[in-house]
């Protein structure tokens, strides 16, 4: 099958199951192509992705589907001072220096030790589902300001939000569960934001309410709820998934694992960064062309939806 026919015939199910062979072939034969199933142009070479992002004014956030799902304004589709201000509220808590000063590294270690102890007696476990994802949910949930909610609630929130966002076949039951989950989240956030507006507690949510607003006033539920849906979906799970990539790499290379064990203070941070480079938790960024563009031998029309695909993971697949 030639690459044009392959691209025309690809299905959403195939993209979800394992897109990497397609990406590899596209990089070799058609690095920029319109994929009907994705309803967008896929740009699969790093150099082309980088070139596009460096073109002044060529791209804009493409977030219509995300806006429809999460609501607006949200942190993914914001631009300019509004975006910088909201990011300042998030960064105030999640910058490395702020984390170190908060005592969270010590609390995170205790949380991690607890989850490891729960599964140690089994002799085997799903490292992502049983250890890394729960640690991520608990640590990030606590930092966001949801320390009073149990793991099951936070995990259900991001799983159902994710299922609803990727419900490309339109399953009504999936859509209904996602809608019910958004309603649960909104009900909780409405009460939580009102309380933290009166009584800030040092959490990321309190910081988002009080730090960096354009008009200097505390942000309201309506100003924050859509961004918080985004953060609950992406923020709770991705640190755990990133750690899983590093763990997979280390367990696949005993010499590298031994080196990290011998000098964790120096090499563990490097292993984390290498895991992020090797298998990025997010390997797809959506943009829209502000004007007609030529890249990778393809002509993308003005208004064309673009998927930047800077990933290359092609092995160790099940």
C-alpha atoms as a PDB file:
ATOM      1  CA  UNK A   1       0.000   0.000   0.000  1.00  0.00           C
ATOM      2  CA  UNK A   2       1.394   3.427  -0.881  1.00  0.00           C
ATOM      3  CA  UNK A   3       1.580   6.034   1.825  1.00  0.00           C
ATOM      4  CA  UNK A   4      -1.267   8.141   0.390  1.00  0.00           C
ATOM      5  CA  UNK A   5      -3.618   5.163   0.480  1.00  0.00           C
ATOM      6  CA  UNK A   6      -2.423   4.281   3.970  1.00  0.00           C
ATOM      7  CA  UNK A   7      -3.141   7.798   5.205  1.00  0.00           C
ATOM      8  CA  UNK A   8      -6.561   7.865   3.540  1.00  0.00           C
ATOM      9  CA  UNK A   9      -7.573   4.518   5.029  1.00  0.00           C
ATOM     10  CA  UNK A  10      -6.266   4.987   8.579  1.00  0.00           C
ATOM     11  CA  UNK A  11      -8.965   4.844  11.271  1.00  0.00           C
ATOM     12  CA  UNK A  12      -9.371   6.489  14.659  1.00  0.00           C
ATOM     13  CA  UNK A  13      -9.168   3.046  16.277  1.00  0.00           C
ATOM     14  CA  UNK A  14      -5.781   2.435  14.654  1.00  0.00           C
ATOM     15  CA  UNK A  15      -4.491   5.840  15.718  1.00  0.00           C
ATOM     16  CA  UNK A  16      -5.559   5.174  19.293  1.00  0.00           C
ATOM     17  CA  UNK A  17      -4.145   1.636  19.416  1.00  0.00           C
ATOM     18  CA  UNK A  18      -0.675   2.351  18.048  1.00  0.00           C
ATOM     19  CA  UNK A  19       0.036   5.354  15.790  1.00  0.00           C
ATOM     20  CA  UNK A  20       3.816   5.047  15.902  1.00  0.00           C
ATOM     21  CA  UNK A  21       4.364   2.850  12.819  1.00  0.00           C
ATOM     22  CA  UNK A  22       2.268   5.310  10.822  1.00  0.00           C
ATOM     23  CA  UNK A  23       4.245   8.254  12.187  1.00  0.00           C
ATOM     24  CA  UNK A  24       7.515   6.517  11.307  1.00  0.00           C
ATOM     25  CA  UNK A  25       6.401   5.867   7.747  1.00  0.00           C
ATOM     26  CA  UNK A  26       5.105   9.398   7.359  1.00  0.00           C
ATOM     27  CA  UNK A  27       8.425  10.816   8.571  1.00  0.00           C
ATOM     28  CA  UNK A  28      10.211   8.776   5.919  1.00  0.00           C
ATOM     29  CA  UNK A  29       7.800   9.199   3.012  1.00  0.00           C
ATOM     30  CA  UNK A  30       5.287  11.999   3.647  1.00  0.00           C
ATOM     31  CA  UNK A  31       6.314  14.021   6.719  1.00  0.00           C
ATOM     32  CA  UNK A  32       3.400  16.447   6.392  1.00  0.00           C
ATOM     33  CA  UNK A  33       0.048  15.092   5.238  1.00  0.00           C
ATOM     34  CA  UNK A  34      -3.663  15.568   5.778  1.00  0.00           C
ATOM     35  CA  UNK A  35      -5.104  12.561   7.622  1.00  0.00           C
ATOM     36  CA  UNK A  36      -8.895  12.407   7.148  1.00  0.00           C
ATOM     37  CA  UNK A  37      -9.511  10.311  10.272  1.00  0.00           C
ATOM     38  CA  UNK A  38      -7.804  12.965  12.413  1.00  0.00           C
ATOM     39  CA  UNK A  39      -9.348  15.814  10.376  1.00  0.00           C
ATOM     40  CA  UNK A  40      -6.048  17.658  10.450  1.00  0.00           C
ATOM     41  CA  UNK A  41      -2.596  17.922   8.938  1.00  0.00           C
ATOM     42  CA  UNK A  42      -0.055  15.817  10.811  1.00  0.00           C
ATOM     43  CA  UNK A  43       3.503  17.158  10.971  1.00  0.00           C
ATOM     44  CA  UNK A  44       5.689  14.239  11.999  1.00  0.00           C
ATOM     45  CA  UNK A  45       9.301  15.452  11.799  1.00  0.00           C
ATOM     46  CA  UNK A  46      10.871  17.325  14.698  1.00  0.00           C
ATOM     47  CA  UNK A  47      12.576  19.814  12.370  1.00  0.00           C
ATOM     48  CA  UNK A  48       9.263  20.702  10.696  1.00  0.00           C
ATOM     49  CA  UNK A  49       7.460  21.018  14.040  1.00  0.00           C
ATOM     50  CA  UNK A  50      10.202  23.310  15.297  1.00  0.00           C
ATOM     51  CA  UNK A  51      10.221  25.351  12.075  1.00  0.00           C
ATOM     52  CA  UNK A  52       6.478  25.911  12.252  1.00  0.00           C
ATOM     53  CA  UNK A  53       6.566  27.077  15.847  1.00  0.00           C
ATOM     54  CA  UNK A  54       9.332  29.533  14.971  1.00  0.00           C
ATOM     55  CA  UNK A  55       7.395  31.177  12.131  1.00  0.00           C
ATOM     56  CA  UNK A  56       6.263  34.508  13.514  1.00  0.00           C
ATOM     57  CA  UNK A  57       2.479  34.678  13.657  1.00  0.00           C
ATOM     58  CA  UNK A  58       2.026  31.537  11.542  1.00  0.00           C
ATOM     59  CA  UNK A  59       0.118  29.482  14.109  1.00  0.00           C
ATOM     60  CA  UNK A  60      -2.540  30.036  16.697  1.00  0.00           C
ATOM     61  CA  UNK A  61      -3.946  27.816  19.385  1.00  0.00           C
ATOM     62  CA  UNK A  62      -6.376  25.362  17.869  1.00  0.00           C
ATOM     63  CA  UNK A  63      -8.697  24.603  20.677  1.00  0.00           C
ATOM     64  CA  UNK A  64     -12.264  24.584  19.363  1.00  0.00           C
ATOM     65  CA  UNK A  65     -12.859  20.977  20.340  1.00  0.00           C
ATOM     66  CA  UNK A  66     -11.085  21.501  23.655  1.00  0.00           C
ATOM     67  CA  UNK A  67     -13.009  24.712  24.245  1.00  0.00           C
ATOM     68  CA  UNK A  68     -16.272  22.912  23.526  1.00  0.00           C
ATOM     69  CA  UNK A  69     -15.346  20.165  25.997  1.00  0.00           C
ATOM     70  CA  UNK A  70     -13.645  22.049  28.809  1.00  0.00           C
ATOM     71  CA  UNK A  71     -15.318  25.441  28.364  1.00  0.00           C
ATOM     72  CA  UNK A  72     -13.799  28.899  28.054  1.00  0.00           C
ATOM     73  CA  UNK A  73     -11.701  30.652  29.060  1.00  0.00           C
ATOM     74  CA  UNK A  74      -9.222  27.826  29.643  1.00  0.00           C
ATOM     75  CA  UNK A  75      -5.478  27.790  30.074  1.00  0.00           C
ATOM     76  CA  UNK A  76      -4.923  25.946  26.773  1.00  0.00           C
ATOM     77  CA  UNK A  77      -6.646  28.496  24.562  1.00  0.00           C
ATOM     78  CA  UNK A  78      -5.815  31.693  26.456  1.00  0.00           C
ATOM     79  CA  UNK A  79      -3.224  34.029  25.008  1.00  0.00           C
ATOM     80  CA  UNK A  80      -1.522  37.247  26.045  1.00  0.00           C
ATOM     81  CA  UNK A  81      -1.745  38.856  29.502  1.00  0.00           C
ATOM     82  CA  UNK A  82      -4.662  36.679  30.609  1.00  0.00           C
ATOM     83  CA  UNK A  83      -2.670  33.522  29.944  1.00  0.00           C
ATOM     84  CA  UNK A  84       0.524  34.854  31.507  1.00  0.00           C
ATOM     85  CA  UNK A  85      -1.366  35.912  34.611  1.00  0.00           C
ATOM     86  CA  UNK A  86      -3.002  32.528  35.119  1.00  0.00           C
ATOM     87  CA  UNK A  87       0.286  30.751  34.482  1.00  0.00           C
ATOM     88  CA  UNK A  88       1.864  32.972  37.137  1.00  0.00           C
ATOM     89  CA  UNK A  89      -0.691  31.689  39.626  1.00  0.00           C
ATOM     90  CA  UNK A  90       0.137  28.069  38.770  1.00  0.00           C
ATOM     91  CA  UNK A  91       3.904  28.621  38.605  1.00  0.00           C
ATOM     92  CA  UNK A  92       3.970  30.282  41.999  1.00  0.00           C
ATOM     93  CA  UNK A  93       3.339  26.860  43.545  1.00  0.00           C
ATOM     94  CA  UNK A  94       4.924  24.482  41.023  1.00  0.00           C
ATOM     95  CA  UNK A  95       8.283  26.143  40.378  1.00  0.00           C
ATOM     96  CA  UNK A  96      11.164  23.967  41.684  1.00  0.00           C
ATOM     97  CA  UNK A  97      12.182  26.502  44.327  1.00  0.00           C
ATOM     98  CA  UNK A  98       8.620  26.865  45.583  1.00  0.00           C
ATOM     99  CA  UNK A  99       8.241  23.090  45.781  1.00  0.00           C
ATOM    100  CA  UNK A 100      11.500  22.728  47.708  1.00  0.00           C
ATOM    101  CA  UNK A 101      10.489  25.423  50.180  1.00  0.00           C
ATOM    102  CA  UNK A 102       7.028  23.955  50.691  1.00  0.00           C
ATOM    103  CA  UNK A 103       8.308  20.688  52.158  1.00  0.00           C
ATOM    104  CA  UNK A 104       6.466  18.735  49.465  1.00  0.00           C
ATOM    105  CA  UNK A 105       9.511  16.617  48.470  1.00  0.00           C
ATOM    106  CA  UNK A 106       9.551  15.054  51.931  1.00  0.00           C
ATOM    107  CA  UNK A 107       5.780  14.568  51.948  1.00  0.00           C
ATOM    108  CA  UNK A 108       5.906  13.097  48.439  1.00  0.00           C
ATOM    109  CA  UNK A 109       8.537  10.582  49.533  1.00  0.00           C
ATOM    110  CA  UNK A 110       6.354   9.500  52.442  1.00  0.00           C
ATOM    111  CA  UNK A 111       3.367   9.163  50.095  1.00  0.00           C
ATOM    112  CA  UNK A 112       5.460   7.099  47.662  1.00  0.00           C
ATOM    113  CA  UNK A 113       6.742   4.853  50.449  1.00  0.00           C
ATOM    114  CA  UNK A 114       3.177   4.185  51.492  1.00  0.00           C
ATOM    115  CA  UNK A 115       2.043   3.069  48.049  1.00  0.00           C
ATOM    116  CA  UNK A 116       5.107   0.874  47.593  1.00  0.00           C
ATOM    117  CA  UNK A 117       4.467  -0.768  50.968  1.00  0.00           C
ATOM    118  CA  UNK A 118       0.900  -1.593  49.932  1.00  0.00           C
ATOM    119  CA  UNK A 119       2.014  -3.677  46.960  1.00  0.00           C
ATOM    120  CA  UNK A 120       5.345  -5.023  48.213  1.00  0.00           C
ATOM    121  CA  UNK A 121       3.851  -8.234  49.617  1.00  0.00           C
ATOM    122  CA  UNK A 122       2.302  -9.145  46.265  1.00  0.00           C
ATOM    123  CA  UNK A 123       5.656  -9.791  44.636  1.00  0.00           C
ATOM    124  CA  UNK A 124       4.426  -8.229  41.400  1.00  0.00           C
ATOM    125  CA  UNK A 125       2.198  -5.341  40.380  1.00  0.00           C
ATOM    126  CA  UNK A 126       1.293  -2.976  37.558  1.00  0.00           C
ATOM    127  CA  UNK A 127       3.866  -0.262  38.239  1.00  0.00           C
ATOM    128  CA  UNK A 128       1.882   2.456  36.497  1.00  0.00           C
ATOM    129  CA  UNK A 129      -1.587   1.613  37.779  1.00  0.00           C
ATOM    130  CA  UNK A 130      -0.670   0.445  41.274  1.00  0.00           C
ATOM    131  CA  UNK A 131       2.209   2.761  42.193  1.00  0.00           C
ATOM    132  CA  UNK A 132       3.139   5.615  39.877  1.00  0.00           C
ATOM    133  CA  UNK A 133      -0.298   6.852  38.897  1.00  0.00           C
ATOM    134  CA  UNK A 134      -1.664   6.785  42.471  1.00  0.00           C
ATOM    135  CA  UNK A 135       1.414   8.625  43.754  1.00  0.00           C
ATOM    136  CA  UNK A 136       0.981  11.238  41.034  1.00  0.00           C
ATOM    137  CA  UNK A 137      -2.716  11.661  41.785  1.00  0.00           C
ATOM    138  CA  UNK A 138      -2.134  12.031  45.518  1.00  0.00           C
ATOM    139  CA  UNK A 139       0.862  14.379  45.380  1.00  0.00           C
ATOM    140  CA  UNK A 140      -0.501  16.661  42.660  1.00  0.00           C
ATOM    141  CA  UNK A 141      -3.983  16.526  44.163  1.00  0.00           C
ATOM    142  CA  UNK A 142      -2.600  17.677  47.503  1.00  0.00           C
ATOM    143  CA  UNK A 143      -0.598  20.478  45.881  1.00  0.00           C
ATOM    144  CA  UNK A 144      -3.621  21.651  43.920  1.00  0.00           C
ATOM    145  CA  UNK A 145      -5.661  21.816  47.107  1.00  0.00           C
ATOM    146  CA  UNK A 146      -7.692  18.597  47.012  1.00  0.00           C
ATOM    147  CA  UNK A 147      -6.065  16.906  49.977  1.00  0.00           C
ATOM    148  CA  UNK A 148      -9.452  16.169  51.503  1.00  0.00           C
ATOM    149  CA  UNK A 149     -10.578  14.053  48.529  1.00  0.00           C
ATOM    150  CA  UNK A 150      -9.715  10.364  48.344  1.00  0.00           C
ATOM    151  CA  UNK A 151      -7.657   8.754  45.585  1.00  0.00           C
ATOM    152  CA  UNK A 152     -10.685   7.033  44.061  1.00  0.00           C
ATOM    153  CA  UNK A 153     -12.508  10.322  43.514  1.00  0.00           C
ATOM    154  CA  UNK A 154      -9.542  12.073  41.924  1.00  0.00           C
ATOM    155  CA  UNK A 155      -8.759   9.042  39.754  1.00  0.00           C
ATOM    156  CA  UNK A 156     -12.369   8.785  38.616  1.00  0.00           C
ATOM    157  CA  UNK A 157     -12.360  12.476  37.744  1.00  0.00           C
ATOM    158  CA  UNK A 158      -9.422  12.314  35.385  1.00  0.00           C
ATOM    159  CA  UNK A 159     -10.317   8.922  33.894  1.00  0.00           C
ATOM    160  CA  UNK A 160     -13.853  10.011  33.031  1.00  0.00           C
ATOM    161  CA  UNK A 161     -12.721  13.404  31.753  1.00  0.00           C
ATOM    162  CA  UNK A 162     -10.165  11.663  29.530  1.00  0.00           C
ATOM    163  CA  UNK A 163     -12.688   9.143  28.224  1.00  0.00           C
ATOM    164  CA  UNK A 164     -15.121  11.904  27.366  1.00  0.00           C
ATOM    165  CA  UNK A 165     -12.517  14.010  25.588  1.00  0.00           C
ATOM    166  CA  UNK A 166     -11.372  11.078  23.429  1.00  0.00           C
ATOM    167  CA  UNK A 167     -14.866   9.733  22.731  1.00  0.00           C
ATOM    168  CA  UNK A 168     -14.395  10.057  18.973  1.00  0.00           C
ATOM    169  CA  UNK A 169     -17.033   7.436  18.168  1.00  0.00           C
ATOM    170  CA  UNK A 170     -19.655   9.291  20.193  1.00  0.00           C
ATOM    171  CA  UNK A 171     -20.552   6.536  22.672  1.00  0.00           C
ATOM    172  CA  UNK A 172     -23.538   8.012  24.582  1.00  0.00           C
ATOM    173  CA  UNK A 173     -22.694   6.157  27.806  1.00  0.00           C
ATOM    174  CA  UNK A 174     -19.148   7.530  27.811  1.00  0.00           C
ATOM    175  CA  UNK A 175     -20.484  11.019  27.117  1.00  0.00           C
ATOM    176  CA  UNK A 176     -23.026  10.699  29.939  1.00  0.00           C
ATOM    177  CA  UNK A 177     -20.393   9.610  32.464  1.00  0.00           C
ATOM    178  CA  UNK A 178     -18.114  12.462  31.422  1.00  0.00           C
ATOM    179  CA  UNK A 179     -20.955  14.972  31.766  1.00  0.00           C
ATOM    180  CA  UNK A 180     -21.823  13.636  35.226  1.00  0.00           C
ATOM    181  CA  UNK A 181     -18.162  13.864  36.247  1.00  0.00           C
ATOM    182  CA  UNK A 182     -17.920  17.472  35.064  1.00  0.00           C
ATOM    183  CA  UNK A 183     -21.012  18.261  37.114  1.00  0.00           C
ATOM    184  CA  UNK A 184     -19.438  16.657  40.198  1.00  0.00           C
ATOM    185  CA  UNK A 185     -16.205  18.593  39.663  1.00  0.00           C
ATOM    186  CA  UNK A 186     -18.046  21.868  39.173  1.00  0.00           C
ATOM    187  CA  UNK A 187     -20.117  21.395  42.316  1.00  0.00           C
ATOM    188  CA  UNK A 188     -16.982  20.749  44.355  1.00  0.00           C
ATOM    189  CA  UNK A 189     -15.053  23.637  42.798  1.00  0.00           C
ATOM    190  CA  UNK A 190     -17.840  26.153  43.340  1.00  0.00           C
ATOM    191  CA  UNK A 191     -17.709  25.538  47.102  1.00  0.00           C
ATOM    192  CA  UNK A 192     -13.920  25.201  47.218  1.00  0.00           C
ATOM    193  CA  UNK A 193     -13.214  28.406  45.285  1.00  0.00           C
ATOM    194  CA  UNK A 194     -15.629  30.403  47.437  1.00  0.00           C
ATOM    195  CA  UNK A 195     -13.867  29.188  50.586  1.00  0.00           C
ATOM    196  CA  UNK A 196     -10.346  29.797  49.254  1.00  0.00           C
ATOM    197  CA  UNK A 197     -11.297  33.274  48.086  1.00  0.00           C
ATOM    198  CA  UNK A 198     -12.012  34.104  51.732  1.00  0.00           C
ATOM    199  CA  UNK A 199      -9.308  31.931  53.287  1.00  0.00           C
ATOM    200  CA  UNK A 200      -6.264  31.222  51.031  1.00  0.00           C
ATOM    201  CA  UNK A 201      -4.333  28.154  52.141  1.00  0.00           C
ATOM    202  CA  UNK A 202      -1.147  28.119  50.057  1.00  0.00           C
ATOM    203  CA  UNK A 203      -2.455  25.575  47.544  1.00  0.00           C
ATOM    204  CA  UNK A 204      -2.167  25.964  43.782  1.00  0.00           C
ATOM    205  CA  UNK A 205      -5.898  26.565  43.574  1.00  0.00           C
ATOM    206  CA  UNK A 206      -5.681  29.408  46.097  1.00  0.00           C
ATOM    207  CA  UNK A 207      -2.755  30.840  44.133  1.00  0.00           C
ATOM    208  CA  UNK A 208      -4.761  30.701  40.905  1.00  0.00           C
ATOM    209  CA  UNK A 209      -7.516  32.635  42.620  1.00  0.00           C
ATOM    210  CA  UNK A 210      -5.312  35.370  44.032  1.00  0.00           C
ATOM    211  CA  UNK A 211      -2.125  35.663  41.926  1.00  0.00           C
ATOM    212  CA  UNK A 212      -1.654  37.412  38.600  1.00  0.00           C
ATOM    213  CA  UNK A 213      -5.185  38.453  37.658  1.00  0.00           C
ATOM    214  CA  UNK A 214      -5.320  41.210  35.056  1.00  0.00           C
ATOM    215  CA  UNK A 215      -7.603  43.451  37.113  1.00  0.00           C
ATOM    216  CA  UNK A 216      -5.979  42.650  40.484  1.00  0.00           C
ATOM    217  CA  UNK A 217      -9.129  41.080  41.889  1.00  0.00           C
ATOM    218  CA  UNK A 218      -9.512  37.424  42.929  1.00  0.00           C
ATOM    219  CA  UNK A 219     -10.516  35.186  40.040  1.00  0.00           C
ATOM    220  CA  UNK A 220     -14.021  33.777  40.182  1.00  0.00           C
ATOM    221  CA  UNK A 221     -15.425  30.292  39.672  1.00  0.00           C
ATOM    222  CA  UNK A 222     -16.437  31.202  36.121  1.00  0.00           C
ATOM    223  CA  UNK A 223     -12.922  32.440  35.342  1.00  0.00           C
ATOM    224  CA  UNK A 224     -11.236  29.322  36.709  1.00  0.00           C
ATOM    225  CA  UNK A 225     -13.482  26.302  36.256  1.00  0.00           C
ATOM    226  CA  UNK A 226     -12.561  25.525  32.630  1.00  0.00           C
ATOM    227  CA  UNK A 227      -8.824  25.739  33.311  1.00  0.00           C
ATOM    228  CA  UNK A 228      -9.192  23.574  36.395  1.00  0.00           C
ATOM    229  CA  UNK A 229     -10.924  20.880  34.335  1.00  0.00           C
ATOM    230  CA  UNK A 230      -7.895  20.928  32.029  1.00  0.00           C
ATOM    231  CA  UNK A 231      -5.473  20.731  34.954  1.00  0.00           C
ATOM    232  CA  UNK A 232      -7.386  17.915  36.649  1.00  0.00           C
ATOM    233  CA  UNK A 233      -7.218  15.871  33.454  1.00  0.00           C
ATOM    234  CA  UNK A 234      -3.614  16.565  32.477  1.00  0.00           C
ATOM    235  CA  UNK A 235      -1.969  17.410  35.774  1.00  0.00           C
ATOM    236  CA  UNK A 236      -3.020  14.506  37.966  1.00  0.00           C
ATOM    237  CA  UNK A 237      -1.916  11.639  35.773  1.00  0.00           C
ATOM    238  CA  UNK A 238       0.948  12.874  33.606  1.00  0.00           C
ATOM    239  CA  UNK A 239       3.733  12.955  36.236  1.00  0.00           C
ATOM    240  CA  UNK A 240       3.037   9.299  36.930  1.00  0.00           C
ATOM    241  CA  UNK A 241       3.012   8.449  33.238  1.00  0.00           C
ATOM    242  CA  UNK A 242       6.269  10.341  32.746  1.00  0.00           C
ATOM    243  CA  UNK A 243       7.850   8.388  35.607  1.00  0.00           C
ATOM    244  CA  UNK A 244       6.609   5.182  33.974  1.00  0.00           C
ATOM    245  CA  UNK A 245       8.562   6.019  30.817  1.00  0.00           C
ATOM    246  CA  UNK A 246      11.781   6.447  32.794  1.00  0.00           C
ATOM    247  CA  UNK A 247      11.117   3.241  34.731  1.00  0.00           C
ATOM    248  CA  UNK A 248      10.495   1.308  31.512  1.00  0.00           C
ATOM    249  CA  UNK A 249      13.776   2.551  30.086  1.00  0.00           C
ATOM    250  CA  UNK A 250      15.727   1.648  33.213  1.00  0.00           C
ATOM    251  CA  UNK A 251      14.171  -1.800  33.591  1.00  0.00           C
ATOM    252  CA  UNK A 252      14.972  -2.454  29.927  1.00  0.00           C
ATOM    253  CA  UNK A 253      18.657  -1.631  30.428  1.00  0.00           C
ATOM    254  CA  UNK A 254      20.187  -3.265  33.543  1.00  0.00           C
ATOM    255  CA  UNK A 255      23.459  -1.367  33.178  1.00  0.00           C
ATOM    256  CA  UNK A 256      21.667   1.981  33.202  1.00  0.00           C
ATOM    257  CA  UNK A 257      19.531   0.873  36.145  1.00  0.00           C
ATOM    258  CA  UNK A 258      22.636  -0.147  38.096  1.00  0.00           C
ATOM    259  CA  UNK A 259      24.274   3.206  37.360  1.00  0.00           C
ATOM    260  CA  UNK A 260      21.241   5.135  38.624  1.00  0.00           C
ATOM    261  CA  UNK A 261      21.052   3.009  41.765  1.00  0.00           C
ATOM    262  CA  UNK A 262      24.736   3.664  42.435  1.00  0.00           C
ATOM    263  CA  UNK A 263      24.390   7.457  42.139  1.00  0.00           C
ATOM    264  CA  UNK A 264      20.707   8.431  42.388  1.00  0.00           C
ATOM    265  CA  UNK A 265      21.363  12.041  43.437  1.00  0.00           C
ATOM    266  CA  UNK A 266      23.159  12.736  40.159  1.00  0.00           C
ATOM    267  CA  UNK A 267      21.593  10.322  37.694  1.00  0.00           C
ATOM    268  CA  UNK A 268      17.952  10.042  38.731  1.00  0.00           C
ATOM    269  CA  UNK A 269      17.097  13.601  37.574  1.00  0.00           C
ATOM    270  CA  UNK A 270      18.833  12.837  34.272  1.00  0.00           C
ATOM    271  CA  UNK A 271      16.840   9.612  33.931  1.00  0.00           C
ATOM    272  CA  UNK A 272      13.605  11.539  34.437  1.00  0.00           C
ATOM    273  CA  UNK A 273      14.505  14.056  31.743  1.00  0.00           C
ATOM    274  CA  UNK A 274      15.586  11.278  29.390  1.00  0.00           C
ATOM    275  CA  UNK A 275      12.285   9.492  29.969  1.00  0.00           C
ATOM    276  CA  UNK A 276      10.430  12.673  29.024  1.00  0.00           C
ATOM    277  CA  UNK A 277      12.510  12.998  25.875  1.00  0.00           C
ATOM    278  CA  UNK A 278      12.172   9.324  24.960  1.00  0.00           C
ATOM    279  CA  UNK A 279       8.423   8.879  25.423  1.00  0.00           C
ATOM    280  CA  UNK A 280       6.791  12.243  26.021  1.00  0.00           C
ATOM    281  CA  UNK A 281       3.507  12.014  27.973  1.00  0.00           C
ATOM    282  CA  UNK A 282       2.069  14.456  25.476  1.00  0.00           C
ATOM    283  CA  UNK A 283       3.205  13.690  21.937  1.00  0.00           C
ATOM    284  CA  UNK A 284       0.618  15.738  20.047  1.00  0.00           C
ATOM    285  CA  UNK A 285       0.075  19.502  20.022  1.00  0.00           C
ATOM    286  CA  UNK A 286      -2.831  21.107  18.191  1.00  0.00           C
ATOM    287  CA  UNK A 287      -2.488  24.350  16.266  1.00  0.00           C
ATOM    288  CA  UNK A 288      -4.294  26.207  13.476  1.00  0.00           C
ATOM    289  CA  UNK A 289      -2.653  27.942  10.520  1.00  0.00           C
ATOM    290  CA  UNK A 290      -3.217  31.693  10.564  1.00  0.00           C
ATOM    291  CA  UNK A 291      -2.183  31.867   6.911  1.00  0.00           C
ATOM    292  CA  UNK A 292      -1.304  29.515   4.070  1.00  0.00           C
ATOM    293  CA  UNK A 293       1.925  27.657   4.877  1.00  0.00           C
ATOM    294  CA  UNK A 294       4.394  25.458   3.046  1.00  0.00           C
ATOM    295  CA  UNK A 295       6.275  22.942   5.161  1.00  0.00           C
ATOM    296  CA  UNK A 296       7.747  19.512   4.529  1.00  0.00           C
ATOM    297  CA  UNK A 297       6.708  19.580   0.881  1.00  0.00           C
ATOM    298  CA  UNK A 298       3.046  20.206   1.723  1.00  0.00           C
ATOM    299  CA  UNK A 299       0.835  23.278   1.343  1.00  0.00           C
ATOM    300  CA  UNK A 300      -1.351  23.830   4.406  1.00  0.00           C
ATOM    301  CA  UNK A 301      -4.222  26.264   3.757  1.00  0.00           C
ATOM    302  CA  UNK A 302      -5.085  29.174   5.995  1.00  0.00           C
ATOM    303  CA  UNK A 303      -7.296  27.910   8.784  1.00  0.00           C
ATOM    304  CA  UNK A 304      -5.983  24.368   8.422  1.00  0.00           C
ATOM    305  CA  UNK A 305      -5.994  22.308  11.609  1.00  0.00           C
ATOM    306  CA  UNK A 306      -2.506  21.008  12.413  1.00  0.00           C
ATOM    307  CA  UNK A 307      -1.275  18.241  14.690  1.00  0.00           C
ATOM    308  CA  UNK A 308       2.381  18.630  15.655  1.00  0.00           C
ATOM    309  CA  UNK A 309       3.718  15.118  16.326  1.00  0.00           C
ATOM    310  CA  UNK A 310       7.274  15.303  17.718  1.00  0.00           C
ATOM    311  CA  UNK A 311       7.305  11.718  19.028  1.00  0.00           C
ATOM    312  CA  UNK A 312       9.368   8.800  17.774  1.00  0.00           C
ATOM    313  CA  UNK A 313       8.599   5.864  20.084  1.00  0.00           C
ATOM    314  CA  UNK A 314       8.551   2.834  17.776  1.00  0.00           C
ATOM    315  CA  UNK A 315       9.683  -0.133  19.861  1.00  0.00           C
ATOM    316  CA  UNK A 316       8.888  -2.129  22.997  1.00  0.00           C
ATOM    317  CA  UNK A 317       5.232  -2.179  21.924  1.00  0.00           C
ATOM    318  CA  UNK A 318       2.976  -4.960  23.131  1.00  0.00           C
END
